[in-house]
C-alpha atoms as a PDB file:
ATOM      1  CA  MET A   1     -28.554 -41.925  14.434  1.00  0.00           C
ATOM      2  CA  GLU A   2     -30.537 -41.080  11.311  1.00  0.00           C
ATOM      3  CA  ALA A   3     -31.839 -37.903  12.956  1.00  0.00           C
ATOM      4  CA  PHE A   4     -28.275 -36.801  13.740  1.00  0.00           C
ATOM      5  CA  THR A   5     -27.133 -37.559  10.172  1.00  0.00           C
ATOM      6  CA  ASN A   6     -29.977 -35.445   8.814  1.00  0.00           C
ATOM      7  CA  LYS A   7     -29.093 -32.588  11.157  1.00  0.00           C
ATOM      8  CA  LYS A   8     -25.434 -32.833  10.136  1.00  0.00           C
ATOM      9  CA  THR A   9     -26.384 -32.694   6.454  1.00  0.00           C
ATOM     10  CA  ASN A  10     -28.765 -29.798   7.069  1.00  0.00           C
ATOM     11  CA  LEU A  11     -26.060 -27.915   8.962  1.00  0.00           C
ATOM     12  CA  PHE A  12     -23.618 -28.246   6.071  1.00  0.00           C
ATOM     13  CA  LEU A  13     -26.288 -27.106   3.603  1.00  0.00           C
ATOM     14  CA  ILE A  14     -27.169 -24.091   5.764  1.00  0.00           C
ATOM     15  CA  LEU A  15     -23.547 -23.079   6.274  1.00  0.00           C
ATOM     16  CA  GLY A  16     -22.785 -23.682   2.602  1.00  0.00           C
ATOM     17  CA  GLY A  17     -25.784 -21.606   1.546  1.00  0.00           C
ATOM     18  CA  ILE A  18     -24.733 -18.730   3.808  1.00  0.00           C
ATOM     19  CA  PHE A  19     -21.162 -18.961   2.540  1.00  0.00           C
ATOM     20  CA  ILE A  20     -21.977 -19.053  -1.191  1.00  0.00           C
ATOM     21  CA  THR A  21     -24.646 -16.337  -0.931  1.00  0.00           C
ATOM     22  CA  ASN A  22     -22.352 -13.884   0.856  1.00  0.00           C
ATOM     23  CA  VAL A  23     -19.328 -14.511  -1.376  1.00  0.00           C
ATOM     24  CA  LEU A  24     -21.443 -14.070  -4.502  1.00  0.00           C
ATOM     25  CA  LEU A  25     -23.044 -10.914  -3.091  1.00  0.00           C
ATOM     26  CA  ALA A  26     -19.599  -9.575  -2.222  1.00  0.00           C
ATOM     27  CA  GLU A  27     -18.454 -10.126  -5.807  1.00  0.00           C
ATOM     28  CA  LEU A  28     -21.538  -8.493  -7.325  1.00  0.00           C
ATOM     29  CA  ALA A  29     -21.646  -5.564  -4.889  1.00  0.00           C
ATOM     30  CA  GLY A  30     -17.904  -5.055  -4.958  1.00  0.00           C
ATOM     31  CA  MET A  31     -18.022  -2.549  -7.799  1.00  0.00           C
ATOM     32  CA  LYS A  32     -19.238   0.171  -5.409  1.00  0.00           C
ATOM     33  CA  ILE A  33     -16.588   1.979  -3.385  1.00  0.00           C
ATOM     34  CA  PHE A  34     -17.757   3.558  -0.154  1.00  0.00           C
ATOM     35  CA  SER A  35     -16.139   5.801   2.444  1.00  0.00           C
ATOM     36  CA  LEU A  36     -15.762   4.128   5.824  1.00  0.00           C
ATOM     37  CA  GLU A  37     -14.976   7.459   7.484  1.00  0.00           C
ATOM     38  CA  ARG A  38     -18.121   9.134   6.155  1.00  0.00           C
ATOM     39  CA  THR A  39     -20.174   6.089   7.169  1.00  0.00           C
ATOM     40  CA  LEU A  40     -18.893   6.443  10.750  1.00  0.00           C
ATOM     41  CA  GLY A  41     -19.049  10.251  10.722  1.00  0.00           C
ATOM     42  CA  LEU A  42     -15.260  10.596  10.962  1.00  0.00           C
ATOM     43  CA  SER A  43     -12.725  12.764   9.178  1.00  0.00           C
ATOM     44  CA  PRO A  44     -10.734  11.232   6.283  1.00  0.00           C
ATOM     45  CA  ALA A  45      -7.793   9.150   7.532  1.00  0.00           C
ATOM     46  CA  GLN A  46      -5.272  10.600   5.045  1.00  0.00           C
ATOM     47  CA  LEU A  47      -2.740   7.835   5.672  1.00  0.00           C
ATOM     48  CA  SER A  48       0.482   7.608   3.690  1.00  0.00           C
ATOM     49  CA  PHE A  49       2.530   4.453   3.033  1.00  0.00           C
ATOM     50  CA  PHE A  50       5.806   4.498   1.045  1.00  0.00           C
ATOM     51  CA  SER A  51       4.748   7.570  -0.988  1.00  0.00           C
ATOM     52  CA  ASP A  52       3.320  11.073  -0.746  1.00  0.00           C
ATOM     53  CA  GLN A  53      -0.119   9.817  -1.804  1.00  0.00           C
ATOM     54  CA  LYS A  54      -2.705  10.243   0.948  1.00  0.00           C
ATOM     55  CA  LEU A  55      -5.157   7.353   1.312  1.00  0.00           C
ATOM     56  CA  ASP A  56      -8.506   7.156   3.057  1.00  0.00           C
ATOM     57  CA  PHE A  57     -10.571   4.101   3.975  1.00  0.00           C
ATOM     58  CA  ASN A  58     -12.383   3.951   0.644  1.00  0.00           C
ATOM     59  CA  LEU A  59     -13.383   0.305   0.485  1.00  0.00           C
ATOM     60  CA  THR A  60     -15.237  -1.987  -1.865  1.00  0.00           C
ATOM     61  CA  ALA A  61     -18.798  -2.622  -0.726  1.00  0.00           C
ATOM     62  CA  GLY A  62     -17.985  -6.331  -0.769  1.00  0.00           C
ATOM     63  CA  VAL A  63     -16.259  -5.981   2.610  1.00  0.00           C
ATOM     64  CA  VAL A  64     -19.700  -5.650   4.222  1.00  0.00           C
ATOM     65  CA  MET A  65     -20.306  -9.357   3.550  1.00  0.00           C
ATOM     66  CA  TRP A  66     -16.796 -10.709   4.198  1.00  0.00           C
ATOM     67  CA  PRO A  67     -17.056 -10.873   8.011  1.00  0.00           C
ATOM     68  CA  ILE A  68     -19.880 -13.398   7.565  1.00  0.00           C
ATOM     69  CA  VAL A  69     -17.678 -15.341   5.148  1.00  0.00           C
ATOM     70  CA  PHE A  70     -14.835 -15.351   7.716  1.00  0.00           C
ATOM     71  CA  ILE A  71     -17.063 -16.780  10.426  1.00  0.00           C
ATOM     72  CA  THR A  72     -18.712 -19.335   8.145  1.00  0.00           C
ATOM     73  CA  THR A  73     -15.343 -20.568   6.869  1.00  0.00           C
ATOM     74  CA  ASP A  74     -14.099 -21.183  10.401  1.00  0.00           C
ATOM     75  CA  ILE A  75     -17.329 -22.881  11.493  1.00  0.00           C
ATOM     76  CA  ILE A  76     -17.233 -25.226   8.486  1.00  0.00           C
ATOM     77  CA  ASN A  77     -13.584 -25.979   9.219  1.00  0.00           C
ATOM     78  CA  GLU A  78     -14.391 -26.629  12.878  1.00  0.00           C
ATOM     79  CA  TYR A  79     -17.150 -29.180  12.223  1.00  0.00           C
ATOM     80  CA  PHE A  80     -16.437 -30.524   8.716  1.00  0.00           C
ATOM     81  CA  GLY A  81     -12.673 -30.173   8.428  1.00  0.00           C
ATOM     82  CA  LYS A  82     -10.505 -28.939   5.586  1.00  0.00           C
ATOM     83  CA  LYS A  83     -12.315 -31.216   3.132  1.00  0.00           C
ATOM     84  CA  GLY A  84     -15.574 -29.397   3.810  1.00  0.00           C
ATOM     85  CA  VAL A  85     -13.965 -25.975   3.330  1.00  0.00           C
ATOM     86  CA  LYS A  86     -12.250 -27.024   0.105  1.00  0.00           C
ATOM     87  CA  GLN A  87     -15.465 -28.471  -1.305  1.00  0.00           C
ATOM     88  CA  ILE A  88     -17.531 -25.385  -0.560  1.00  0.00           C
ATOM     89  CA  SER A  89     -14.750 -23.042  -1.764  1.00  0.00           C
ATOM     90  CA  ILE A  90     -14.409 -24.806  -5.129  1.00  0.00           C
ATOM     91  CA  LEU A  91     -18.190 -24.907  -5.542  1.00  0.00           C
ATOM     92  CA  THR A  92     -18.351 -21.191  -4.746  1.00  0.00           C
ATOM     93  CA  ALA A  93     -15.634 -20.368  -7.294  1.00  0.00           C
ATOM     94  CA  LEU A  94     -17.580 -22.308  -9.938  1.00  0.00           C
ATOM     95  CA  CYS A  95     -20.782 -20.454  -8.987  1.00  0.00           C
ATOM     96  CA  ILE A  96     -19.016 -17.086  -9.285  1.00  0.00           C
ATOM     97  CA  THR A  97     -17.575 -18.038 -12.670  1.00  0.00           C
ATOM     98  CA  TYR A  98     -20.994 -19.154 -13.875  1.00  0.00           C
ATOM     99  CA  ALA A  99     -22.651 -15.992 -12.534  1.00  0.00           C
ATOM    100  CA  PHE A 100     -20.223 -13.655 -14.282  1.00  0.00           C
ATOM    101  CA  PHE A 101     -20.420 -15.645 -17.520  1.00  0.00           C
ATOM    102  CA  MET A 102     -24.219 -15.424 -17.506  1.00  0.00           C
ATOM    103  CA  ILE A 103     -24.079 -11.691 -16.710  1.00  0.00           C
ATOM    104  CA  TRP A 104     -21.700 -11.176 -19.639  1.00  0.00           C
ATOM    105  CA  LEU A 105     -23.960 -13.265 -21.884  1.00  0.00           C
ATOM    106  CA  ILE A 106     -27.043 -11.282 -20.854  1.00  0.00           C
ATOM    107  CA  THR A 107     -25.335  -7.960 -21.599  1.00  0.00           C
ATOM    108  CA  CYS A 108     -24.516  -9.278 -25.087  1.00  0.00           C
ATOM    109  CA  LEU A 109     -28.202  -9.846 -25.884  1.00  0.00           C
ATOM    110  CA  PRO A 110     -29.585  -7.293 -28.381  1.00  0.00           C
ATOM    111  CA  SER A 111     -31.618  -4.727 -26.449  1.00  0.00           C
ATOM    112  CA  ALA A 112     -35.174  -3.845 -27.390  1.00  0.00           C
ATOM    113  CA  GLN A 113     -35.339  -0.516 -29.224  1.00  0.00           C
ATOM    114  CA  PHE A 114     -37.541   1.128 -26.599  1.00  0.00           C
ATOM    115  CA  TRP A 115     -35.012   0.081 -23.948  1.00  0.00           C
ATOM    116  CA  LEU A 116     -32.191   1.656 -25.981  1.00  0.00           C
ATOM    117  CA  ASP A 117     -34.226   4.831 -26.331  1.00  0.00           C
ATOM    118  CA  LEU A 118     -35.205   4.904 -22.673  1.00  0.00           C
ATOM    119  CA  ASN A 119     -33.643   7.785 -20.782  1.00  0.00           C
ATOM    120  CA  SER A 120     -34.042   9.018 -17.259  1.00  0.00           C
ATOM    121  CA  VAL A 121     -32.787  11.718 -14.932  1.00  0.00           C
ATOM    122  CA  ASP A 122     -30.975  11.138 -11.660  1.00  0.00           C
ATOM    123  CA  SER A 123     -31.449  13.127  -8.441  1.00  0.00           C
ATOM    124  CA  LYS A 124     -28.943  15.756  -9.636  1.00  0.00           C
ATOM    125  CA  GLY A 125     -30.664  16.269 -12.984  1.00  0.00           C
ATOM    126  CA  ASN A 126     -28.127  14.298 -15.029  1.00  0.00           C
ATOM    127  CA  HIS A 127     -29.536  12.333 -17.964  1.00  0.00           C
ATOM    128  CA  PHE A 128     -28.558   8.692 -18.371  1.00  0.00           C
ATOM    129  CA  ASN A 129     -29.500   5.787 -20.611  1.00  0.00           C
ATOM    130  CA  PHE A 130     -30.892   2.661 -18.918  1.00  0.00           C
ATOM    131  CA  ASP A 131     -29.113   0.258 -21.275  1.00  0.00           C
ATOM    132  CA  GLU A 132     -25.708   1.877 -20.769  1.00  0.00           C
ATOM    133  CA  ALA A 133     -26.287   2.137 -17.013  1.00  0.00           C
ATOM    134  CA  TYR A 134     -27.238  -1.561 -16.830  1.00  0.00           C
ATOM    135  CA  ASN A 135     -24.054  -2.612 -18.619  1.00  0.00           C
ATOM    136  CA  LYS A 136     -21.900  -0.275 -16.522  1.00  0.00           C
ATOM    137  CA  VAL A 137     -23.282  -1.703 -13.293  1.00  0.00           C
ATOM    138  CA  PHE A 138     -23.104  -5.390 -14.150  1.00  0.00           C
ATOM    139  CA  LEU A 139     -19.953  -5.614 -16.245  1.00  0.00           C
ATOM    140  CA  GLN A 140     -16.612  -5.643 -14.501  1.00  0.00           C
ATOM    141  CA  SER A 141     -13.125  -5.830 -15.970  1.00  0.00           C
ATOM    142  CA  MET A 142     -11.687  -9.274 -16.614  1.00  0.00           C
ATOM    143  CA  GLY A 143      -8.690  -8.401 -14.465  1.00  0.00           C
ATOM    144  CA  ALA A 144     -10.898  -7.744 -11.439  1.00  0.00           C
ATOM    145  CA  ILE A 145     -12.779 -11.019 -11.937  1.00  0.00           C
ATOM    146  CA  VAL A 146      -9.606 -13.103 -12.367  1.00  0.00           C
ATOM    147  CA  GLY A 147      -7.855 -11.369  -9.477  1.00  0.00           C
ATOM    148  CA  SER A 148     -10.826 -11.794  -7.180  1.00  0.00           C
ATOM    149  CA  LEU A 149     -11.250 -15.503  -7.932  1.00  0.00           C
ATOM    150  CA  VAL A 150      -7.562 -16.336  -7.558  1.00  0.00           C
ATOM    151  CA  ALA A 151      -7.307 -14.345  -4.320  1.00  0.00           C
ATOM    152  CA  PHE A 152     -10.447 -16.027  -2.962  1.00  0.00           C
ATOM    153  CA  LEU A 153      -9.163 -19.560  -3.579  1.00  0.00           C
ATOM    154  CA  ILE A 154      -5.666 -18.838  -2.257  1.00  0.00           C
ATOM    155  CA  GLY A 155      -7.139 -17.118   0.787  1.00  0.00           C
ATOM    156  CA  GLN A 156      -9.463 -20.026   1.565  1.00  0.00           C
ATOM    157  CA  LEU A 157      -6.762 -22.679   1.241  1.00  0.00           C
ATOM    158  CA  LEU A 158      -4.396 -20.628   3.374  1.00  0.00           C
ATOM    159  CA  ASP A 159      -7.147 -20.073   5.955  1.00  0.00           C
ATOM    160  CA  VAL A 160      -7.669 -23.841   6.238  1.00  0.00           C
ATOM    161  CA  ALA A 161      -3.958 -24.579   6.562  1.00  0.00           C
ATOM    162  CA  THR A 162      -3.430 -21.907   9.232  1.00  0.00           C
ATOM    163  CA  PHE A 163      -6.551 -22.982  11.149  1.00  0.00           C
ATOM    164  CA  VAL A 164      -5.300 -26.587  11.252  1.00  0.00           C
ATOM    165  CA  PHE A 165      -1.781 -25.539  12.259  1.00  0.00           C
ATOM    166  CA  ILE A 166      -2.988 -23.385  15.172  1.00  0.00           C
ATOM    167  CA  ARG A 167      -5.423 -26.059  16.394  1.00  0.00           C
ATOM    168  CA  LYS A 168      -2.683 -28.684  16.287  1.00  0.00           C
ATOM    169  CA  TRP A 169      -0.453 -26.656  18.592  1.00  0.00           C
ATOM    170  CA  THR A 170      -3.019 -25.043  20.898  1.00  0.00           C
ATOM    171  CA  GLY A 171      -5.657 -27.741  21.321  1.00  0.00           C
ATOM    172  CA  LYS A 172      -9.419 -27.613  20.986  1.00  0.00           C
ATOM    173  CA  ASP A 173     -10.218 -24.889  23.524  1.00  0.00           C
ATOM    174  CA  ASN A 174      -8.778 -21.789  21.835  1.00  0.00           C
ATOM    175  CA  VAL A 175     -11.555 -21.257  19.309  1.00  0.00           C
ATOM    176  CA  TRP A 176     -10.974 -17.515  18.942  1.00  0.00           C
ATOM    177  CA  LEU A 177      -7.220 -17.960  18.421  1.00  0.00           C
ATOM    178  CA  ARG A 178      -7.396 -20.432  15.536  1.00  0.00           C
ATOM    179  CA  ALA A 179     -10.365 -18.686  13.909  1.00  0.00           C
ATOM    180  CA  THR A 180      -9.013 -15.139  14.183  1.00  0.00           C
ATOM    181  CA  GLY A 181      -5.424 -16.161  13.492  1.00  0.00           C
ATOM    182  CA  SER A 182      -6.315 -18.042  10.318  1.00  0.00           C
ATOM    183  CA  THR A 183      -8.413 -15.108   9.095  1.00  0.00           C
ATOM    184  CA  LEU A 184      -5.646 -12.574   9.748  1.00  0.00           C
ATOM    185  CA  VAL A 185      -3.087 -14.648   7.839  1.00  0.00           C
ATOM    186  CA  SER A 186      -5.319 -15.518   4.868  1.00  0.00           C
ATOM    187  CA  GLN A 187      -6.698 -11.992   4.472  1.00  0.00           C
ATOM    188  CA  PHE A 188      -3.225 -10.484   4.518  1.00  0.00           C
ATOM    189  CA  VAL A 189      -2.382 -12.500   1.411  1.00  0.00           C
ATOM    190  CA  ASP A 190      -5.835 -11.986  -0.138  1.00  0.00           C
ATOM    191  CA  SER A 191      -5.594  -8.190   0.231  1.00  0.00           C
ATOM    192  CA  PHE A 192      -2.504  -8.045  -1.958  1.00  0.00           C
ATOM    193  CA  VAL A 193      -3.101 -10.896  -4.434  1.00  0.00           C
ATOM    194  CA  VAL A 194      -6.298  -9.379  -5.819  1.00  0.00           C
ATOM    195  CA  LEU A 195      -4.656  -5.972  -6.286  1.00  0.00           C
ATOM    196  CA  ILE A 196      -1.488  -7.383  -7.873  1.00  0.00           C
ATOM    197  CA  ILE A 197      -3.452  -9.402 -10.440  1.00  0.00           C
ATOM    198  CA  ALA A 198      -6.283  -6.944 -11.153  1.00  0.00           C
ATOM    199  CA  PHE A 199      -4.399  -3.650 -11.116  1.00  0.00           C
ATOM    200  CA  TYR A 200      -0.641  -4.324 -11.308  1.00  0.00           C
ATOM    201  CA  TRP A 201      -0.480  -7.147 -13.887  1.00  0.00           C
ATOM    202  CA  LEU A 202      -3.756  -6.698 -15.784  1.00  0.00           C
ATOM    203  CA  GLY A 203      -4.609  -3.072 -15.007  1.00  0.00           C
ATOM    204  CA  ASN A 204      -5.091  -0.607 -17.843  1.00  0.00           C
ATOM    205  CA  PRO A 205      -3.441   1.665 -16.915  1.00  0.00           C
ATOM    206  CA  ALA A 206      -1.429  -0.459 -14.510  1.00  0.00           C
ATOM    207  CA  TRP A 207      -0.890   0.627 -10.915  1.00  0.00           C
ATOM    208  CA  SER A 208       2.593   1.097  -9.559  1.00  0.00           C
ATOM    209  CA  PHE A 209       3.778  -1.518  -7.079  1.00  0.00           C
ATOM    210  CA  THR A 210       3.956   1.181  -4.402  1.00  0.00           C
ATOM    211  CA  GLN A 211       0.291   2.011  -4.988  1.00  0.00           C
ATOM    212  CA  VAL A 212      -0.640  -1.678  -4.729  1.00  0.00           C
ATOM    213  CA  ILE A 213       1.169  -1.997  -1.392  1.00  0.00           C
ATOM    214  CA  SER A 214      -0.400   1.204  -0.039  1.00  0.00           C
ATOM    215  CA  VAL A 215      -3.978   0.310  -0.963  1.00  0.00           C
ATOM    216  CA  GLY A 216      -3.425  -3.291   0.166  1.00  0.00           C
ATOM    217  CA  LEU A 217      -2.347  -2.083   3.599  1.00  0.00           C
ATOM    218  CA  ILE A 218      -5.441   0.124   3.891  1.00  0.00           C
ATOM    219  CA  ASN A 219      -7.640  -2.867   3.046  1.00  0.00           C
ATOM    220  CA  TYR A 220      -5.814  -5.132   5.474  1.00  0.00           C
ATOM    221  CA  ILE A 221      -6.034  -2.658   8.368  1.00  0.00           C
ATOM    222  CA  TYR A 222      -9.814  -2.702   7.955  1.00  0.00           C
ATOM    223  CA  LYS A 223      -9.939  -6.521   7.731  1.00  0.00           C
ATOM    224  CA  PHE A 224      -7.630  -6.833  10.748  1.00  0.00           C
ATOM    225  CA  PHE A 225      -9.938  -4.863  13.031  1.00  0.00           C
ATOM    226  CA  ILE A 226     -13.050  -6.569  11.652  1.00  0.00           C
ATOM    227  CA  ALA A 227     -11.541 -10.033  12.279  1.00  0.00           C
ATOM    228  CA  ILE A 228     -10.776  -9.078  15.887  1.00  0.00           C
ATOM    229  CA  SER A 229     -14.159  -7.448  16.534  1.00  0.00           C
ATOM    230  CA  ILE A 230     -16.270 -10.360  15.261  1.00  0.00           C
ATOM    231  CA  SER A 231     -14.498 -12.979  17.415  1.00  0.00           C
ATOM    232  CA  PRO A 232     -17.363 -13.089  19.977  1.00  0.00           C
ATOM    233  CA  LEU A 233     -19.765 -14.091  17.201  1.00  0.00           C
ATOM    234  CA  LEU A 234     -17.840 -17.352  16.815  1.00  0.00           C
ATOM    235  CA  TYR A 235     -18.898 -18.389  20.294  1.00  0.00           C
ATOM    236  CA  VAL A 236     -22.500 -17.436  19.532  1.00  0.00           C
ATOM    237  CA  ALA A 237     -22.357 -19.634  16.423  1.00  0.00           C
ATOM    238  CA  HIS A 238     -20.824 -22.546  18.362  1.00  0.00           C
ATOM    239  CA  TYR A 239     -23.506 -22.232  21.038  1.00  0.00           C
ATOM    240  CA  ALA A 240     -26.287 -22.250  18.432  1.00  0.00           C
ATOM    241  CA  ILE A 241     -24.814 -25.332  16.720  1.00  0.00           C
ATOM    242  CA  GLU A 242     -24.519 -27.189  20.019  1.00  0.00           C
ATOM    243  CA  LEU A 243     -28.174 -26.426  20.729  1.00  0.00           C
ATOM    244  CA  TYR A 244     -29.123 -27.769  17.310  1.00  0.00           C
ATOM    245  CA  LEU A 245     -26.949 -30.894  17.237  1.00  0.00           C
ATOM    246  CA  GLY A 246     -26.601 -31.507  20.940  1.00  0.00           C
ATOM    247  CA  THR A 247     -23.394 -30.774  22.845  1.00  0.00           C
ATOM    248  CA  GLU A 248     -22.090 -34.337  22.668  1.00  0.00           C
ATOM    249  CA  ASN A 249     -22.717 -34.668  18.925  1.00  0.00           C
ATOM    250  CA  ALA A 250     -21.210 -31.250  18.197  1.00  0.00           C
ATOM    251  CA  GLN A 251     -18.045 -32.074  20.141  1.00  0.00           C
ATOM    252  CA  LYS A 252     -17.791 -35.424  18.386  1.00  0.00           C
ATOM    253  CA  MET A 253     -18.025 -33.747  14.979  1.00  0.00           C
ATOM    254  CA  SER A 254     -15.366 -31.226  15.980  1.00  0.00           C
ATOM    255  CA  GLU A 255     -12.991 -33.965  17.114  1.00  0.00           C
ATOM    256  CA  GLU A 256     -13.535 -36.001  13.924  1.00  0.00           C
ATOM    257  CA  ALA A 257     -12.952 -32.899  11.800  1.00  0.00           C
ATOM    258  CA  SER A 258      -9.695 -32.132  13.610  1.00  0.00           C
ATOM    259  CA  LYS A 259      -8.445 -35.704  13.167  1.00  0.00           C
ATOM    260  CA  SER A 260      -9.228 -35.662   9.446  1.00  0.00           C
ATOM    261  CA  ASN A 261      -7.343 -32.364   9.148  1.00  0.00           C
ATOM    262  CA  PHE A 262      -4.163 -33.922  10.475  1.00  0.00           C
ATOM    263  CA  LEU A 263      -4.230 -37.003   8.250  1.00  0.00           C
END
């Protein structure tokens, strides 16, 4: 019994560590925008929603980590219930807040004179100052930080609620349905909440609502296909956990988690 308790604790720590690390990395790396089409060697999408503006799949680099977050959220929900997801989500939000506060504090520290005077040249021959480059990379707008945190928490809570609802009506066997369904619902809301807060309400200059909807749809299309494509990985994760805990213990945890969700 003690061995199983230790394994259960270790599993939560491992999943929590994976979850927090990837969310924090997504927040820190999110300032880079990359072209999905160029990454895949495709032509620009040039999609248009509600306006004449043509949009490509230019996405924040944070989306590279989010599929891992999706899977981890559903695995935690499966074996530790909504309480486990809420605990790790709140802890993650506090970690993100702390990280950004410390980054802001560090950028406020007076720089050494040689660091201020230090200049370099990039691959195209453009001169840049290390101190200014450091601040540009690590500092993000307050609107983006607030929008990202609010969207993250709303998305996680909605993911839990949808996961529980689908499991209640479909039973324990449809793992892919409750995991993928909860992700699709939560990420639909997340895709628009972060843009509305960061760029429509707090943007300077503010985006138009049409622009928010258009970019949000581009982001959601990407997340939709990613959520569908990573579904097989859920079964790989379940198989690995059953090997670690034992099939009987893993099933028992899943049943207890589902009962606690419905209380």
